Amino acid sequence: MAKLIDVESYLTYPIARKTFASTVLLYNDVPMEIVSKLLGHSSMKIIQDSYGKIVEKKISEEILKLKGK
C-alpha cells in the first residue's frame, strides 16, 4: 500500500487506527467519548492524551469560522 501512494514509512495497524480516529471520526465531529469506545480504550485519559492536539486544532478551526460570520 505504501508503495502505491509513494509513502516511505511503514503503514502499520496503529498508524491506520490513529488516522481513522483523527481524520474520519474527530474531524467529522464524532465526540471523543464515542471515539474512545470505538477504539476500545479503557479510559478517556488515553484518548485525551493521544488526540488532544487534534481536538485543539479543530476548536481553532471552528473559532475561525465563527469569527468569519
Protein backbone atom coordinates (compact mmCIF):
# COMPACT_ATOMS: atom_id res chain seq x y z
CA MET A 1 0.00 0.00 0.00
CA ALA A 2 2.76 2.45 0.92
CA LYS A 3 4.46 1.93 -2.43
CA LEU A 4 1.22 2.66 -4.28
CA ILE A 5 0.85 6.05 -2.61
CA ASP A 6 4.58 6.78 -2.54
CA VAL A 7 4.97 6.82 1.25
CA GLU A 8 8.38 5.82 2.52
CA SER A 9 7.38 4.81 6.06
CA TYR A 10 5.72 1.58 7.06
CA LEU A 11 1.95 1.66 7.32
CA THR A 12 1.04 -0.21 10.48
CA TYR A 13 -2.18 -1.05 12.27
CA PRO A 14 -1.59 1.61 14.97
CA ILE A 15 -0.97 4.27 12.31
CA ALA A 16 -4.12 3.28 10.43
CA ARG A 17 -6.12 3.28 13.65
CA LYS A 18 -4.93 6.75 14.67
CA THR A 19 -5.54 8.09 11.16
CA PHE A 20 -9.09 6.70 11.20
CA ALA A 21 -9.79 8.14 14.64
CA SER A 22 -8.46 11.58 13.78
CA THR A 23 -9.35 12.19 10.15
CA VAL A 24 -12.59 10.24 9.94
CA LEU A 25 -14.09 10.45 13.40
CA LEU A 26 -12.81 13.53 15.24
CA TYR A 27 -12.68 15.81 12.19
CA ASN A 28 -16.27 14.84 11.48
CA ASP A 29 -17.44 15.91 14.92
CA VAL A 30 -17.78 12.47 16.50
CA PRO A 31 -17.45 13.07 20.26
CA MET A 32 -14.28 11.84 21.97
CA GLU A 33 -16.34 9.60 24.24
CA ILE A 34 -17.64 7.67 21.25
CA VAL A 35 -14.20 7.52 19.61
CA SER A 36 -12.84 6.15 22.87
CA LYS A 37 -15.46 3.39 22.95
CA LEU A 38 -14.97 2.53 19.28
CA LEU A 39 -11.23 2.16 19.78
CA GLY A 40 -11.68 0.12 22.95
CA HIS A 41 -9.81 2.47 25.26
CA SER A 42 -10.21 1.70 28.96
CA SER A 43 -10.31 5.37 29.96
CA MET A 44 -10.89 8.80 28.47
CA LYS A 45 -7.41 9.87 29.61
CA ILE A 46 -5.84 7.61 26.98
CA ILE A 47 -7.74 9.23 24.13
CA GLN A 48 -7.29 12.73 25.52
CA ASP A 49 -3.54 12.20 25.68
CA SER A 50 -3.42 10.72 22.19
CA TYR A 51 -5.83 13.01 20.36
CA GLY A 52 -5.98 16.19 22.43
CA LYS A 53 -3.90 18.20 19.97
CA ILE A 54 -6.17 17.17 17.11
CA VAL A 55 -9.20 18.40 19.02
CA GLU A 56 -7.43 21.68 19.83
CA LYS A 57 -6.82 22.22 16.12
CA LYS A 58 -10.48 21.51 15.39
CA ILE A 59 -11.50 24.06 18.05
CA SER A 60 -9.26 26.67 16.41
CA GLU A 61 -10.83 25.98 13.03
CA GLU A 62 -14.34 26.34 14.45
CA ILE A 63 -13.46 29.63 16.17
CA LEU A 64 -12.07 31.00 12.90
CA LYS A 65 -15.30 30.02 11.14
CA LEU A 66 -17.30 31.76 13.84
CA LYS A 67 -15.13 34.87 13.52
CA GLY A 68 -15.92 34.98 9.82
CA LYS A 69 -19.66 35.16 10.49
